[in-house]
Amino acid sequence: MTEEREEQSGIEEDQRFMLRLYVAGQTAKSLVAFANLKQICEEHLAGKCTIEVVDLLENPQLAEGDQILAIPTLVRRLPPPIRKIIGDLSNTERVLVGLDLRPRTTR
């Protein structure tokens, strides 16, 4: 089943994802975003994903490097290009499209 998922999503076998989730403390929205991201990584990027959580209350200077304007924000650092998704990541389909794991559908 893993091979089937990889074919559907277009993920190459050796492709690694580096994701950075920007939050501001342990708010409900931040916790939901992290839980949603963890589930998405387990289901769609098993073993191919590194998650770094950056708490802007502890390290506000880190927001400037990725030009973070809202939180929570997910930044896909690898593979290039850098992609950003703002919100609690509850819309799995939108997150997968945002991470380039699924093609955009035209309406």
PDB file of N, CA and C in Angstrom:
ATOM      1  N   MET A   1       0.821  -1.195   0.000  1.00  0.00           N
ATOM      2  CA  MET A   1       0.000   0.000   0.000  1.00  0.00           C
ATOM      3  C   MET A   1       0.865   1.259   0.000  1.00  0.00           C
ATOM      4  N   THR A   2       2.019   1.214   0.631  1.00  0.00           N
ATOM      5  CA  THR A   2       2.912   2.359   0.640  1.00  0.00           C
ATOM      6  C   THR A   2       3.349   2.715  -0.771  1.00  0.00           C
ATOM      7  N   GLU A   3       3.700   1.702  -1.579  1.00  0.00           N
ATOM      8  CA  GLU A   3       4.105   1.973  -2.948  1.00  0.00           C
ATOM      9  C   GLU A   3       2.976   2.629  -3.724  1.00  0.00           C
ATOM     10  N   GLU A   4       1.745   2.179  -3.475  1.00  0.00           N
ATOM     11  CA  GLU A   4       0.589   2.752  -4.154  1.00  0.00           C
ATOM     12  C   GLU A   4       0.439   4.225  -3.787  1.00  0.00           C
ATOM     13  N   ARG A   5       0.595   4.555  -2.515  1.00  0.00           N
ATOM     14  CA  ARG A   5       0.501   5.951  -2.087  1.00  0.00           C
ATOM     15  C   ARG A   5       1.590   6.790  -2.739  1.00  0.00           C
ATOM     16  N   GLU A   6       2.808   6.243  -2.795  1.00  0.00           N
ATOM     17  CA  GLU A   6       3.902   6.990  -3.393  1.00  0.00           C
ATOM     18  C   GLU A   6       3.632   7.270  -4.860  1.00  0.00           C
ATOM     19  N   GLU A   7       3.072   6.288  -5.582  1.00  0.00           N
ATOM     20  CA  GLU A   7       2.759   6.497  -6.986  1.00  0.00           C
ATOM     21  C   GLU A   7       1.695   7.568  -7.152  1.00  0.00           C
ATOM     22  N   GLN A   8       0.666   7.534  -6.301  1.00  0.00           N
ATOM     23  CA  GLN A   8      -0.417   8.503  -6.410  1.00  0.00           C
ATOM     24  C   GLN A   8       0.069   9.912  -6.118  1.00  0.00           C
ATOM     25  N   SER A   9       0.962  10.047  -5.130  1.00  0.00           N
ATOM     26  CA  SER A   9       1.378  11.377  -4.711  1.00  0.00           C
ATOM     27  C   SER A   9       2.563  11.905  -5.511  1.00  0.00           C
ATOM     28  N   GLY A  10       3.256  11.031  -6.234  1.00  0.00           N
ATOM     29  CA  GLY A  10       4.402  11.474  -6.996  1.00  0.00           C
ATOM     30  C   GLY A  10       5.652  11.639  -6.157  1.00  0.00           C
ATOM     31  N   ILE A  11       5.688  11.069  -4.969  1.00  0.00           N
ATOM     32  CA  ILE A  11       6.857  11.150  -4.107  1.00  0.00           C
ATOM     33  C   ILE A  11       7.892  10.150  -4.600  1.00  0.00           C
ATOM     34  N   GLU A  12       9.092  10.628  -4.798  1.00  0.00           N
ATOM     35  CA  GLU A  12      10.166   9.739  -5.183  1.00  0.00           C
ATOM     36  C   GLU A  12      10.637   8.968  -3.963  1.00  0.00           C
ATOM     37  N   GLU A  13      11.176   7.771  -4.190  1.00  0.00           N
ATOM     38  CA  GLU A  13      11.544   6.884  -3.097  1.00  0.00           C
ATOM     39  C   GLU A  13      12.534   7.512  -2.128  1.00  0.00           C
ATOM     40  N   ASP A  14      13.516   8.274  -2.626  1.00  0.00           N
ATOM     41  CA  ASP A  14      14.541   8.842  -1.754  1.00  0.00           C
ATOM     42  C   ASP A  14      14.251  10.300  -1.371  1.00  0.00           C
ATOM     43  N   GLN A  15      13.089  10.810  -1.718  1.00  0.00           N
ATOM     44  CA  GLN A  15      12.738  12.199  -1.437  1.00  0.00           C
ATOM     45  C   GLN A  15      12.426  12.384   0.041  1.00  0.00           C
ATOM     46  N   ARG A  16      13.031  13.420   0.649  1.00  0.00           N
ATOM     47  CA  ARG A  16      12.814  13.733   2.056  1.00  0.00           C
ATOM     48  C   ARG A  16      12.128  15.094   2.170  1.00  0.00           C
ATOM     49  N   PHE A  17      11.267  15.208   3.162  1.00  0.00           N
ATOM     50  CA  PHE A  17      10.575  16.459   3.426  1.00  0.00           C
ATOM     51  C   PHE A  17      11.048  17.030   4.750  1.00  0.00           C
ATOM     52  N   MET A  18      11.411  18.299   4.746  1.00  0.00           N
ATOM     53  CA  MET A  18      11.744  19.003   5.971  1.00  0.00           C
ATOM     54  C   MET A  18      10.659  20.054   6.172  1.00  0.00           C
ATOM     55  N   LEU A  19       9.887  19.883   7.224  1.00  0.00           N
ATOM     56  CA  LEU A  19       8.768  20.775   7.498  1.00  0.00           C
ATOM     57  C   LEU A  19       9.017  21.522   8.793  1.00  0.00           C
ATOM     58  N   ARG A  20       8.693  22.805   8.790  1.00  0.00           N
ATOM     59  CA  ARG A  20       8.845  23.632   9.980  1.00  0.00           C
ATOM     60  C   ARG A  20       7.480  24.234  10.304  1.00  0.00           C
ATOM     61  N   LEU A  21       6.994  23.982  11.512  1.00  0.00           N
ATOM     62  CA  LEU A  21       5.707  24.502  11.955  1.00  0.00           C
ATOM     63  C   LEU A  21       5.948  25.631  12.944  1.00  0.00           C
ATOM     64  N   TYR A  22       5.501  26.825  12.569  1.00  0.00           N
ATOM     65  CA  TYR A  22       5.625  27.986  13.446  1.00  0.00           C
ATOM     66  C   TYR A  22       4.363  28.116  14.283  1.00  0.00           C
ATOM     67  N   VAL A  23       4.535  28.206  15.606  1.00  0.00           N
ATOM     68  CA  VAL A  23       3.431  28.356  16.542  1.00  0.00           C
ATOM     69  C   VAL A  23       3.777  29.459  17.532  1.00  0.00           C
ATOM     70  N   ALA A  24       2.806  29.834  18.367  1.00  0.00           N
ATOM     71  CA  ALA A  24       3.045  30.808  19.432  1.00  0.00           C
ATOM     72  C   ALA A  24       2.518  30.210  20.723  1.00  0.00           C
ATOM     73  N   GLY A  25       3.355  29.449  21.384  1.00  0.00           N
ATOM     74  CA  GLY A  25       2.971  28.818  22.638  1.00  0.00           C
ATOM     75  C   GLY A  25       2.130  27.572  22.409  1.00  0.00           C
ATOM     76  N   GLN A  26       1.563  27.094  23.499  1.00  0.00           N
ATOM     77  CA  GLN A  26       0.774  25.856  23.477  1.00  0.00           C
ATOM     78  C   GLN A  26      -0.723  26.172  23.373  1.00  0.00           C
ATOM     79  N   THR A  27      -1.090  26.989  22.406  1.00  0.00           N
ATOM     80  CA  THR A  27      -2.497  27.338  22.229  1.00  0.00           C
ATOM     81  C   THR A  27      -3.244  26.149  21.616  1.00  0.00           C
ATOM     82  N   ALA A  28      -4.561  26.181  21.732  1.00  0.00           N
ATOM     83  CA  ALA A  28      -5.380  25.105  21.163  1.00  0.00           C
ATOM     84  C   ALA A  28      -5.133  24.980  19.660  1.00  0.00           C
ATOM     85  N   LYS A  29      -5.066  26.100  18.955  1.00  0.00           N
ATOM     86  CA  LYS A  29      -4.861  26.074  17.509  1.00  0.00           C
ATOM     87  C   LYS A  29      -3.487  25.496  17.150  1.00  0.00           C
ATOM     88  N   SER A  30      -2.469  25.844  17.932  1.00  0.00           N
ATOM     89  CA  SER A  30      -1.126  25.315  17.696  1.00  0.00           C
ATOM     90  C   SER A  30      -1.079  23.811  17.925  1.00  0.00           C
ATOM     91  N   LEU A  31      -1.721  23.343  18.983  1.00  0.00           N
ATOM     92  CA  LEU A  31      -1.739  21.911  19.290  1.00  0.00           C
ATOM     93  C   LEU A  31      -2.493  21.132  18.219  1.00  0.00           C
ATOM     94  N   VAL A  32      -3.598  21.694  17.741  1.00  0.00           N
ATOM     95  CA  VAL A  32      -4.373  21.047  16.675  1.00  0.00           C
ATOM     96  C   VAL A  32      -3.540  20.990  15.396  1.00  0.00           C
ATOM     97  N   ALA A  33      -2.855  22.080  15.071  1.00  0.00           N
ATOM     98  CA  ALA A  33      -2.021  22.110  13.869  1.00  0.00           C
ATOM     99  C   ALA A  33      -0.934  21.043  13.944  1.00  0.00           C
ATOM    100  N   PHE A  34      -0.280  20.908  15.101  1.00  0.00           N
ATOM    101  CA  PHE A  34       0.773  19.906  15.240  1.00  0.00           C
ATOM    102  C   PHE A  34       0.204  18.492  15.129  1.00  0.00           C
ATOM    103  N   ALA A  35      -0.923  18.242  15.784  1.00  0.00           N
ATOM    104  CA  ALA A  35      -1.545  16.912  15.713  1.00  0.00           C
ATOM    105  C   ALA A  35      -1.950  16.576  14.280  1.00  0.00           C
ATOM    106  N   ASN A  36      -2.526  17.540  13.572  1.00  0.00           N
ATOM    107  CA  ASN A  36      -2.920  17.319  12.174  1.00  0.00           C
ATOM    108  C   ASN A  36      -1.694  17.059  11.300  1.00  0.00           C
ATOM    109  N   LEU A  37      -0.632  17.829  11.511  1.00  0.00           N
ATOM    110  CA  LEU A  37       0.587  17.649  10.723  1.00  0.00           C
ATOM    111  C   LEU A  37       1.197  16.273  10.981  1.00  0.00           C
ATOM    112  N   LYS A  38       1.224  15.884  12.230  1.00  0.00           N
ATOM    113  CA  LYS A  38       1.785  14.575  12.575  1.00  0.00           C
ATOM    114  C   LYS A  38       1.017  13.449  11.885  1.00  0.00           C
ATOM    115  N   GLN A  39      -0.304  13.555  11.894  1.00  0.00           N
ATOM    116  CA  GLN A  39      -1.134  12.536  11.245  1.00  0.00           C
ATOM    117  C   GLN A  39      -0.905  12.518   9.727  1.00  0.00           C
ATOM    118  N   ILE A  40      -0.841  13.676   9.121  1.00  0.00           N
ATOM    119  CA  ILE A  40      -0.603  13.763   7.679  1.00  0.00           C
ATOM    120  C   ILE A  40       0.754  13.141   7.330  1.00  0.00           C
ATOM    121  N   CYS A  41       1.760  13.436   8.128  1.00  0.00           N
ATOM    122  CA  CYS A  41       3.096  12.873   7.868  1.00  0.00           C
ATOM    123  C   CYS A  41       3.097  11.360   8.026  1.00  0.00           C
ATOM    124  N   GLU A  42       2.415  10.854   9.036  1.00  0.00           N
ATOM    125  CA  GLU A  42       2.358   9.405   9.244  1.00  0.00           C
ATOM    126  C   GLU A  42       1.641   8.704   8.097  1.00  0.00           C
ATOM    127  N   GLU A  43       0.568   9.302   7.601  1.00  0.00           N
ATOM    128  CA  GLU A  43      -0.236   8.664   6.558  1.00  0.00           C
ATOM    129  C   GLU A  43       0.345   8.832   5.155  1.00  0.00           C
ATOM    130  N   HIS A  44       0.988   9.971   4.888  1.00  0.00           N
ATOM    131  CA  HIS A  44       1.390  10.275   3.516  1.00  0.00           C
ATOM    132  C   HIS A  44       2.901  10.386   3.304  1.00  0.00           C
ATOM    133  N   LEU A  45       3.655  10.532   4.389  1.00  0.00           N
ATOM    134  CA  LEU A  45       5.110  10.712   4.257  1.00  0.00           C
ATOM    135  C   LEU A  45       5.872   9.816   5.227  1.00  0.00           C
ATOM    136  N   ALA A  46       5.336   8.656   5.512  1.00  0.00           N
ATOM    137  CA  ALA A  46       5.920   7.775   6.520  1.00  0.00           C
ATOM    138  C   ALA A  46       7.413   7.581   6.302  1.00  0.00           C
ATOM    139  N   GLY A  47       8.197   7.971   7.311  1.00  0.00           N
ATOM    140  CA  GLY A  47       9.636   7.794   7.255  1.00  0.00           C
ATOM    141  C   GLY A  47      10.370   8.761   6.344  1.00  0.00           C
ATOM    142  N   LYS A  48       9.672   9.697   5.740  1.00  0.00           N
ATOM    143  CA  LYS A  48      10.299  10.619   4.781  1.00  0.00           C
ATOM    144  C   LYS A  48      10.163  12.070   5.211  1.00  0.00           C
ATOM    145  N   CYS A  49       9.850  12.278   6.498  1.00  0.00           N
ATOM    146  CA  CYS A  49       9.487  13.615   6.938  1.00  0.00           C
ATOM    147  C   CYS A  49      10.182  13.962   8.254  1.00  0.00           C
ATOM    148  N   THR A  50      10.710  15.170   8.320  1.00  0.00           N
ATOM    149  CA  THR A  50      11.252  15.713   9.559  1.00  0.00           C
ATOM    150  C   THR A  50      10.422  16.938   9.902  1.00  0.00           C
ATOM    151  N   ILE A  51       9.920  16.976  11.139  1.00  0.00           N
ATOM    152  CA  ILE A  51       9.119  18.113  11.591  1.00  0.00           C
ATOM    153  C   ILE A  51       9.909  18.878  12.641  1.00  0.00           C
ATOM    154  N   GLU A  52      10.024  20.182  12.434  1.00  0.00           N
ATOM    155  CA  GLU A  52      10.626  21.066  13.427  1.00  0.00           C
ATOM    156  C   GLU A  52       9.542  22.043  13.860  1.00  0.00           C
ATOM    157  N   VAL A  53       9.323  22.135  15.156  1.00  0.00           N
ATOM    158  CA  VAL A  53       8.337  23.079  15.678  1.00  0.00           C
ATOM    159  C   VAL A  53       9.093  24.271  16.248  1.00  0.00           C
ATOM    160  N   VAL A  54       8.733  25.469  15.779  1.00  0.00           N
ATOM    161  CA  VAL A  54       9.366  26.702  16.231  1.00  0.00           C
ATOM    162  C   VAL A  54       8.323  27.509  16.999  1.00  0.00           C
ATOM    163  N   ASP A  55       8.587  27.700  18.284  1.00  0.00           N
ATOM    164  CA  ASP A  55       7.691  28.497  19.130  1.00  0.00           C
ATOM    165  C   ASP A  55       8.174  29.940  19.090  1.00  0.00           C
ATOM    166  N   LEU A  56       7.387  30.797  18.476  1.00  0.00           N
ATOM    167  CA  LEU A  56       7.795  32.188  18.299  1.00  0.00           C
ATOM    168  C   LEU A  56       7.759  32.986  19.599  1.00  0.00           C
ATOM    169  N   LEU A  57       7.132  32.445  20.637  1.00  0.00           N
ATOM    170  CA  LEU A  57       7.210  33.106  21.933  1.00  0.00           C
ATOM    171  C   LEU A  57       8.612  32.946  22.515  1.00  0.00           C
ATOM    172  N   GLU A  58       9.278  31.851  22.188  1.00  0.00           N
ATOM    173  CA  GLU A  58      10.633  31.591  22.671  1.00  0.00           C
ATOM    174  C   GLU A  58      11.692  32.136  21.711  1.00  0.00           C
ATOM    175  N   ASN A  59      11.427  32.099  20.415  1.00  0.00           N
ATOM    176  CA  ASN A  59      12.393  32.515  19.394  1.00  0.00           C
ATOM    177  C   ASN A  59      11.743  33.409  18.347  1.00  0.00           C
ATOM    178  N   PRO A  60      11.317  34.604  18.720  1.00  0.00           N
ATOM    179  CA  PRO A  60      10.606  35.466  17.756  1.00  0.00           C
ATOM    180  C   PRO A  60      11.455  35.863  16.552  1.00  0.00           C
ATOM    181  N   GLN A  61      12.758  35.905  16.701  1.00  0.00           N
ATOM    182  CA  GLN A  61      13.642  36.298  15.593  1.00  0.00           C
ATOM    183  C   GLN A  61      13.596  35.303  14.445  1.00  0.00           C
ATOM    184  N   LEU A  62      13.180  34.065  14.690  1.00  0.00           N
ATOM    185  CA  LEU A  62      13.129  33.056  13.633  1.00  0.00           C
ATOM    186  C   LEU A  62      12.003  33.311  12.626  1.00  0.00           C
ATOM    187  N   ALA A  63      11.024  34.116  13.002  1.00  0.00           N
ATOM    188  CA  ALA A  63       9.905  34.413  12.096  1.00  0.00           C
ATOM    189  C   ALA A  63      10.368  35.194  10.877  1.00  0.00           C
ATOM    190  N   GLU A  64      11.384  36.005  11.040  1.00  0.00           N
ATOM    191  CA  GLU A  64      11.841  36.855   9.950  1.00  0.00           C
ATOM    192  C   GLU A  64      12.430  36.054   8.791  1.00  0.00           C
ATOM    193  N   GLY A  65      13.175  35.010   9.095  1.00  0.00           N
ATOM    194  CA  GLY A  65      13.842  34.220   8.058  1.00  0.00           C
ATOM    195  C   GLY A  65      12.869  33.614   7.064  1.00  0.00           C
ATOM    196  N   ASP A  66      11.723  33.121   7.545  1.00  0.00           N
ATOM    197  CA  ASP A  66      10.723  32.525   6.658  1.00  0.00           C
ATOM    198  C   ASP A  66       9.558  33.476   6.393  1.00  0.00           C
ATOM    199  N   GLN A  67       9.704  34.723   6.796  1.00  0.00           N
ATOM    200  CA  GLN A  67       8.686  35.761   6.586  1.00  0.00           C
ATOM    201  C   GLN A  67       7.312  35.300   7.073  1.00  0.00           C
ATOM    202  N   ILE A  68       7.242  34.943   8.344  1.00  0.00           N
ATOM    203  CA  ILE A  68       6.007  34.464   8.951  1.00  0.00           C
ATOM    204  C   ILE A  68       5.166  35.655   9.380  1.00  0.00           C
ATOM    205  N   LEU A  69       3.941  35.713   8.870  1.00  0.00           N
ATOM    206  CA  LEU A  69       3.037  36.813   9.177  1.00  0.00           C
ATOM    207  C   LEU A  69       1.842  36.369  10.003  1.00  0.00           C
ATOM    208  N   ALA A  70       1.549  35.076  10.025  1.00  0.00           N
ATOM    209  CA  ALA A  70       0.410  34.537  10.764  1.00  0.00           C
ATOM    210  C   ALA A  70       0.827  33.194  11.361  1.00  0.00           C
ATOM    211  N   ILE A  71       0.133  32.802  12.418  1.00  0.00           N
ATOM    212  CA  ILE A  71       0.444  31.508  13.035  1.00  0.00           C
ATOM    213  C   ILE A  71      -0.850  30.763  13.320  1.00  0.00           C
ATOM    214  N   PRO A  72      -0.844  29.452  13.310  1.00  0.00           N
ATOM    215  CA  PRO A  72       0.286  28.624  12.914  1.00  0.00           C
ATOM    216  C   PRO A  72       0.528  28.672  11.407  1.00  0.00           C
ATOM    217  N   THR A  73       1.798  28.535  11.037  1.00  0.00           N
ATOM    218  CA  THR A  73       2.204  28.457   9.632  1.00  0.00           C
ATOM    219  C   THR A  73       3.136  27.271   9.462  1.00  0.00           C
ATOM    220  N   LEU A  74       2.857  26.475   8.444  1.00  0.00           N
ATOM    221  CA  LEU A  74       3.725  25.359   8.090  1.00  0.00           C
ATOM    222  C   LEU A  74       4.570  25.773   6.894  1.00  0.00           C
ATOM    223  N   VAL A  75       5.874  25.555   6.988  1.00  0.00           N
ATOM    224  CA  VAL A  75       6.790  25.865   5.894  1.00  0.00           C
ATOM    225  C   VAL A  75       7.451  24.567   5.444  1.00  0.00           C
ATOM    226  N   ARG A  76       7.322  24.271   4.157  1.00  0.00           N
ATOM    227  CA  ARG A  76       8.041  23.134   3.586  1.00  0.00           C
ATOM    228  C   ARG A  76       9.392  23.665   3.132  1.00  0.00           C
ATOM    229  N   ARG A  77      10.448  23.295   3.866  1.00  0.00           N
ATOM    230  CA  ARG A  77      11.805  23.751   3.560  1.00  0.00           C
ATOM    231  C   ARG A  77      12.436  22.888   2.467  1.00  0.00           C
ATOM    232  N   LEU A  78      12.203  21.601   2.516  1.00  0.00           N
ATOM    233  CA  LEU A  78      12.692  20.659   1.511  1.00  0.00           C
ATOM    234  C   LEU A  78      11.554  19.739   1.138  1.00  0.00           C
ATOM    235  N   PRO A  79      11.454  19.309  -0.080  1.00  0.00           N
ATOM    236  CA  PRO A  79      12.248  19.698  -1.239  1.00  0.00           C
ATOM    237  C   PRO A  79      11.856  21.084  -1.735  1.00  0.00           C
ATOM    238  N   PRO A  80      12.773  21.740  -2.443  1.00  0.00           N
ATOM    239  CA  PRO A  80      12.445  23.056  -2.987  1.00  0.00           C
ATOM    240  C   PRO A  80      11.325  22.948  -4.000  1.00  0.00           C
ATOM    241  N   PRO A  81      10.584  23.976  -4.252  1.00  0.00           N
ATOM    242  CA  PRO A  81      10.663  25.302  -3.662  1.00  0.00           C
ATOM    243  C   PRO A  81       9.993  25.327  -2.289  1.00  0.00           C
ATOM    244  N   ILE A  82      10.308  26.360  -1.519  1.00  0.00           N
ATOM    245  CA  ILE A  82       9.688  26.538  -0.208  1.00  0.00           C
ATOM    246  C   ILE A  82       8.203  26.799  -0.410  1.00  0.00           C
ATOM    247  N   ARG A  83       7.376  26.138   0.391  1.00  0.00           N
ATOM    248  CA  ARG A  83       5.921  26.324   0.331  1.00  0.00           C
ATOM    249  C   ARG A  83       5.424  26.666   1.728  1.00  0.00           C
ATOM    250  N   LYS A  84       4.371  27.473   1.848  1.00  0.00           N
ATOM    251  CA  LYS A  84       3.799  27.861   3.141  1.00  0.00           C
ATOM    252  C   LYS A  84       2.312  27.563   3.164  1.00  0.00           C
ATOM    253  N   ILE A  85       1.868  27.082   4.319  1.00  0.00           N
ATOM    254  CA  ILE A  85       0.445  26.821   4.537  1.00  0.00           C
ATOM    255  C   ILE A  85       0.087  27.429   5.886  1.00  0.00           C
ATOM    256  N   ILE A  86      -0.902  28.301   5.893  1.00  0.00           N
ATOM    257  CA  ILE A  86      -1.317  28.981   7.121  1.00  0.00           C
ATOM    258  C   ILE A  86      -2.588  28.333   7.645  1.00  0.00           C
ATOM    259  N   GLY A  87      -2.654  28.128   8.967  1.00  0.00           N
ATOM    260  CA  GLY A  87      -3.862  27.609   9.594  1.00  0.00           C
ATOM    261  C   GLY A  87      -3.586  26.365  10.419  1.00  0.00           C
ATOM    262  N   ASP A  88      -4.659  25.732  10.876  1.00  0.00           N
ATOM    263  CA  ASP A  88      -4.512  24.584  11.782  1.00  0.00           C
ATOM    264  C   ASP A  88      -4.336  23.257  11.051  1.00  0.00           C
ATOM    265  N   LEU A  89      -4.244  23.292   9.718  1.00  0.00           N
ATOM    266  CA  LEU A  89      -3.963  22.120   8.879  1.00  0.00           C
ATOM    267  C   LEU A  89      -5.050  21.059   8.970  1.00  0.00           C
ATOM    268  N   SER A  90      -6.271  21.472   9.301  1.00  0.00           N
ATOM    269  CA  SER A  90      -7.377  20.519   9.449  1.00  0.00           C
ATOM    270  C   SER A  90      -7.937  20.059   8.100  1.00  0.00           C
ATOM    271  N   ASN A  91      -7.715  20.831   7.041  1.00  0.00           N
ATOM    272  CA  ASN A  91      -8.163  20.433   5.707  1.00  0.00           C
ATOM    273  C   ASN A  91      -7.032  19.641   5.046  1.00  0.00           C
ATOM    274  N   THR A  92      -7.061  18.329   5.241  1.00  0.00           N
ATOM    275  CA  THR A  92      -5.978  17.460   4.778  1.00  0.00           C
ATOM    276  C   THR A  92      -5.732  17.609   3.282  1.00  0.00           C
ATOM    277  N   GLU A  93      -6.770  17.654   2.499  1.00  0.00           N
ATOM    278  CA  GLU A  93      -6.622  17.762   1.043  1.00  0.00           C
ATOM    279  C   GLU A  93      -5.874  19.042   0.668  1.00  0.00           C
ATOM    280  N   ARG A  94      -6.236  20.149   1.309  1.00  0.00           N
ATOM    281  CA  ARG A  94      -5.575  21.426   1.034  1.00  0.00           C
ATOM    282  C   ARG A  94      -4.096  21.376   1.439  1.00  0.00           C
ATOM    283  N   VAL A  95      -3.804  20.720   2.555  1.00  0.00           N
ATOM    284  CA  VAL A  95      -2.410  20.592   3.000  1.00  0.00           C
ATOM    285  C   VAL A  95      -1.618  19.750   2.001  1.00  0.00           C
ATOM    286  N   LEU A  96      -2.201  18.647   1.545  1.00  0.00           N
ATOM    287  CA  LEU A  96      -1.507  17.785   0.579  1.00  0.00           C
ATOM    288  C   LEU A  96      -1.230  18.528  -0.733  1.00  0.00           C
ATOM    289  N   VAL A  97      -2.177  19.327  -1.175  1.00  0.00           N
ATOM    290  CA  VAL A  97      -1.972  20.140  -2.383  1.00  0.00           C
ATOM    291  C   VAL A  97      -0.894  21.187  -2.108  1.00  0.00           C
ATOM    292  N   GLY A  98      -0.968  21.812  -0.933  1.00  0.00           N
ATOM    293  CA  GLY A  98       0.014  22.834  -0.570  1.00  0.00           C
ATOM    294  C   GLY A  98       1.432  22.296  -0.478  1.00  0.00           C
ATOM    295  N   LEU A  99       1.557  21.046  -0.072  1.00  0.00           N
ATOM    296  CA  LEU A  99       2.878  20.414   0.021  1.00  0.00           C
ATOM    297  C   LEU A  99       3.321  19.798  -1.299  1.00  0.00           C
ATOM    298  N   ASP A 100       2.492  19.924  -2.324  1.00  0.00           N
ATOM    299  CA  ASP A 100       2.732  19.319  -3.643  1.00  0.00           C
ATOM    300  C   ASP A 100       2.721  17.793  -3.596  1.00  0.00           C
ATOM    301  N   LEU A 101       1.895  17.247  -2.707  1.00  0.00           N
ATOM    302  CA  LEU A 101       1.744  15.795  -2.647  1.00  0.00           C
ATOM    303  C   LEU A 101       0.573  15.354  -3.496  1.00  0.00           C
ATOM    304  N   ARG A 102      -0.310  16.275  -3.825  1.00  0.00           N
ATOM    305  CA  ARG A 102      -1.434  16.004  -4.711  1.00  0.00           C
ATOM    306  C   ARG A 102      -1.562  17.151  -5.684  1.00  0.00           C
ATOM    307  N   PRO A 103      -1.952  16.862  -6.910  1.00  0.00           N
ATOM    308  CA  PRO A 103      -2.122  17.945  -7.888  1.00  0.00           C
ATOM    309  C   PRO A 103      -3.341  18.801  -7.549  1.00  0.00           C
ATOM    310  N   ARG A 104      -3.255  20.057  -7.923  1.00  0.00           N
ATOM    311  CA  ARG A 104      -4.398  20.964  -7.739  1.00  0.00           C
ATOM    312  C   ARG A 104      -5.512  20.553  -8.693  1.00  0.00           C
ATOM    313  N   THR A 105      -6.734  20.628  -8.208  1.00  0.00           N
ATOM    314  CA  THR A 105      -7.866  20.351  -9.083  1.00  0.00           C
ATOM    315  C   THR A 105      -8.423  21.681  -9.558  1.00  0.00           C
ATOM    316  N   THR A 106      -8.822  21.731 -10.793  1.00  0.00           N
ATOM    317  CA  THR A 106      -9.383  22.968 -11.328  1.00  0.00           C
ATOM    318  C   THR A 106     -10.898  22.917 -11.179  1.00  0.00           C
ATOM    319  N   ARG A 107     -11.456  24.056 -10.836  1.00  0.00           N
ATOM    320  CA  ARG A 107     -12.906  24.122 -10.649  1.00  0.00           C
ATOM    321  C   ARG A 107     -13.535  25.006 -11.671  1.00  0.00           C
TER     322      ARG A 107
END
